[in-house]
Amino acid sequence: MTMTDLQADLVPNFGDEETDRKICFICSKGNLDMVYPALVMANAALGEGIETHIFFTFWGMDIIHETTVDNLKFTIVGNTASHMPQGLGGLPGMTAMATHKMKKQIEDLEVPGVREFLELISDAGGRLWACRMSADMMHLSDADFVEQVDGIISATDFIELSEGAQIVFT
């Protein structure tokens, strides 16, 4: 069995090339390990022709903030899935080491960095939104975000644009 045959068995065929599907991701955490699930899935959805929106709220605003987008961290503290003893997380330099290791693994897989991924998603037609309440709480304006952010919208606006969509909270 070839890889193409295997993929055909795993990926359902709904019989039409056109889709009116919509998917919306909510990013509420700004850790390096929390951004990639949304970016990878959003990119995949766009590749399938699915209308895609990402709504950044609370600490997820770090993902689109111009001063933090390139400096997201991975910490093992409180992250039981890191497969490392939690006590090590409090040692000086552990967050830097864990972040470096994760960025290296991502790079080795030829996966784009966060800033480049945001650009790719935007260029492919994905829409990036900052949360109005979070922006107000953090005293942020449009000028504080990477240029790919389409705007700052309220939760009500997000509910309106996500009507009929799958919603994924990452």
Protein backbone atom coordinates (compact mmCIF):
# COMPACT_ATOMS: atom_id res chain seq x y z
CA MET A 1 0.00 0.00 0.00
CA THR A 2 1.40 3.40 -0.98
CA MET A 3 1.34 6.51 1.17
CA THR A 4 -1.29 8.00 -1.17
CA ASP A 5 -3.50 4.93 -0.64
CA LEU A 6 -3.02 5.16 3.11
CA GLN A 7 -3.94 8.85 3.11
CA ALA A 8 -7.03 8.14 1.01
CA ASP A 9 -8.15 5.64 3.66
CA LEU A 10 -7.57 8.11 6.52
CA VAL A 11 -8.93 11.33 5.04
CA PRO A 12 -12.65 11.26 4.34
CA ASN A 13 -13.82 12.35 0.90
CA PHE A 14 -17.04 14.32 1.08
CA GLY A 15 -17.40 14.38 -2.69
CA ASP A 16 -17.06 18.09 -3.35
CA GLU A 17 -14.11 20.39 -3.82
CA GLU A 18 -15.91 23.53 -2.70
CA THR A 19 -16.54 24.05 0.99
CA ASP A 20 -18.46 26.53 3.06
CA ARG A 21 -16.79 25.27 6.22
CA LYS A 22 -15.48 27.71 8.77
CA ILE A 23 -13.15 27.18 11.72
CA CYS A 24 -12.20 29.59 14.49
CA PHE A 25 -9.40 29.19 16.99
CA ILE A 26 -9.23 30.95 20.34
CA CYS A 27 -5.67 31.42 21.63
CA SER A 28 -5.63 32.38 25.30
CA LYS A 29 -2.11 31.31 26.24
CA GLY A 30 1.11 32.87 25.01
CA ASN A 31 3.47 29.98 25.67
CA LEU A 32 5.49 28.59 22.78
CA ASP A 33 3.93 25.15 23.17
CA MET A 34 0.40 26.60 23.17
CA VAL A 35 0.65 28.60 19.95
CA TYR A 36 1.69 25.85 17.56
CA PRO A 37 -1.47 23.72 17.75
CA ALA A 38 -3.59 26.66 16.55
CA LEU A 39 -1.10 27.76 13.89
CA VAL A 40 -0.63 24.27 12.48
CA MET A 41 -4.37 23.53 12.43
CA ALA A 42 -5.20 26.95 10.96
CA ASN A 43 -2.65 26.44 8.21
CA ALA A 44 -4.05 22.98 7.46
CA ALA A 45 -7.60 24.35 7.36
CA LEU A 46 -6.58 27.07 4.92
CA GLY A 47 -4.92 24.41 2.75
CA GLU A 48 -8.29 22.65 2.61
CA GLY A 49 -10.06 25.85 1.57
CA ILE A 50 -11.73 26.37 4.94
CA GLU A 51 -12.45 29.92 6.11
CA THR A 52 -10.16 30.41 9.11
CA HIS A 53 -10.08 32.91 11.97
CA ILE A 54 -7.82 33.09 15.03
CA PHE A 55 -8.93 35.15 18.04
CA PHE A 56 -6.16 36.07 20.50
CA THR A 57 -7.21 36.86 24.05
CA PHE A 58 -5.62 37.32 27.47
CA TRP A 59 -2.05 35.94 27.47
CA GLY A 60 -2.53 34.76 23.89
CA MET A 61 -2.04 38.42 22.96
CA ASP A 62 1.72 37.78 23.40
CA ILE A 63 1.55 35.73 20.20
CA ILE A 64 0.63 38.78 18.13
CA HIS A 65 2.28 41.52 20.19
CA GLU A 66 5.18 43.03 18.27
CA THR A 67 7.54 42.99 21.27
CA THR A 68 6.83 39.40 22.38
CA VAL A 69 6.03 37.42 19.19
CA ASP A 70 9.68 36.43 18.69
CA ASN A 71 10.33 35.71 22.38
CA LEU A 72 7.64 33.20 23.40
CA LYS A 73 8.85 30.76 26.04
CA PHE A 74 8.30 27.13 26.93
CA THR A 75 8.35 26.29 30.61
CA ILE A 76 8.15 22.94 32.32
CA VAL A 77 6.74 24.43 35.53
CA GLY A 78 3.17 23.21 35.85
CA ASN A 79 3.42 21.35 32.55
CA THR A 80 3.14 17.70 33.52
CA ALA A 81 3.31 16.66 29.87
CA SER A 82 6.88 17.96 29.58
CA HIS A 83 8.14 14.59 30.87
CA MET A 84 10.65 16.34 33.08
CA PRO A 85 10.66 16.53 36.89
CA GLN A 86 8.67 19.60 37.95
CA GLY A 87 11.32 20.52 40.54
CA LEU A 88 13.80 21.24 37.75
CA GLY A 89 11.55 23.96 36.32
CA GLY A 90 12.37 26.38 39.11
CA LEU A 91 16.11 26.18 38.58
CA PRO A 92 17.76 29.19 36.93
CA GLY A 93 18.10 28.77 33.18
CA MET A 94 15.62 25.89 32.83
CA THR A 95 13.01 27.91 30.93
CA ALA A 96 15.71 29.20 28.56
CA MET A 97 17.03 25.68 28.03
CA ALA A 98 13.56 24.17 27.48
CA THR A 99 12.65 27.01 25.09
CA HIS A 100 15.87 26.60 23.12
CA LYS A 101 15.34 22.84 22.86
CA MET A 102 11.74 23.23 21.65
CA LYS A 103 12.68 25.91 19.09
CA LYS A 104 15.47 23.65 17.79
CA GLN A 105 13.07 20.71 17.42
CA ILE A 106 10.58 22.92 15.57
CA GLU A 107 13.34 24.25 13.32
CA ASP A 108 14.63 20.72 12.63
CA LEU A 109 11.15 19.81 11.37
CA GLU A 110 11.32 22.86 9.06
CA VAL A 111 8.24 24.33 10.72
CA PRO A 112 8.21 28.14 10.52
CA GLY A 113 8.76 30.33 13.54
CA VAL A 114 5.73 32.05 15.05
CA ARG A 115 6.11 35.35 13.19
CA GLU A 116 6.60 33.62 9.83
CA PHE A 117 3.66 31.30 10.54
CA LEU A 118 1.40 34.29 11.23
CA GLU A 119 2.51 35.80 7.91
CA LEU A 120 1.83 32.54 6.05
CA ILE A 121 -1.63 32.22 7.56
CA SER A 122 -2.49 35.83 6.78
CA ASP A 123 -1.15 35.56 3.23
CA ALA A 124 -3.28 32.43 2.70
CA GLY A 125 -6.42 34.34 3.71
CA GLY A 126 -6.61 33.50 7.40
CA ARG A 127 -7.87 36.28 9.62
CA LEU A 128 -6.15 37.25 12.88
CA TRP A 129 -8.10 39.11 15.57
CA ALA A 130 -7.09 40.70 18.87
CA CYS A 131 -9.59 40.72 21.74
CA ARG A 132 -10.96 44.18 22.60
CA MET A 133 -11.26 43.52 26.34
CA SER A 134 -7.74 42.10 26.58
CA ALA A 135 -6.33 44.98 24.53
CA ASP A 136 -8.06 47.48 26.80
CA MET A 137 -6.86 45.71 29.96
CA MET A 138 -3.29 45.70 28.67
CA HIS A 139 -3.50 49.23 27.20
CA LEU A 140 -2.74 47.98 23.68
CA SER A 141 -3.73 49.45 20.33
CA ASP A 142 -3.48 48.31 16.70
CA ALA A 143 0.05 49.75 16.57
CA ASP A 144 1.22 47.23 19.20
CA PHE A 145 0.46 44.19 17.07
CA VAL A 146 2.18 42.49 14.15
CA GLU A 147 0.92 43.89 10.89
CA GLN A 148 -1.02 40.73 10.00
CA VAL A 149 -3.60 41.38 12.74
CA ASP A 150 -6.83 42.37 11.00
CA GLY A 151 -8.16 44.34 13.93
CA ILE A 152 -9.28 44.45 17.52
CA ILE A 153 -12.77 43.05 17.99
CA SER A 154 -15.09 42.41 20.91
CA ALA A 155 -16.22 39.01 22.10
CA THR A 156 -19.61 39.81 20.58
CA ASP A 157 -17.97 40.50 17.21
CA PHE A 158 -16.14 37.17 17.45
CA ILE A 159 -19.38 35.35 18.26
CA GLU A 160 -20.98 36.95 15.19
CA LEU A 161 -18.14 36.06 12.81
CA SER A 162 -17.90 32.52 14.17
CA GLU A 163 -21.54 31.69 13.49
CA GLY A 164 -21.71 28.19 12.04
CA ALA A 165 -18.00 27.56 12.61
CA GLN A 166 -16.14 24.86 14.43
CA ILE A 167 -14.55 26.55 17.44
CA VAL A 168 -11.29 25.24 18.85
CA PHE A 169 -9.94 26.62 22.13
CA THR A 170 -6.17 26.22 22.41
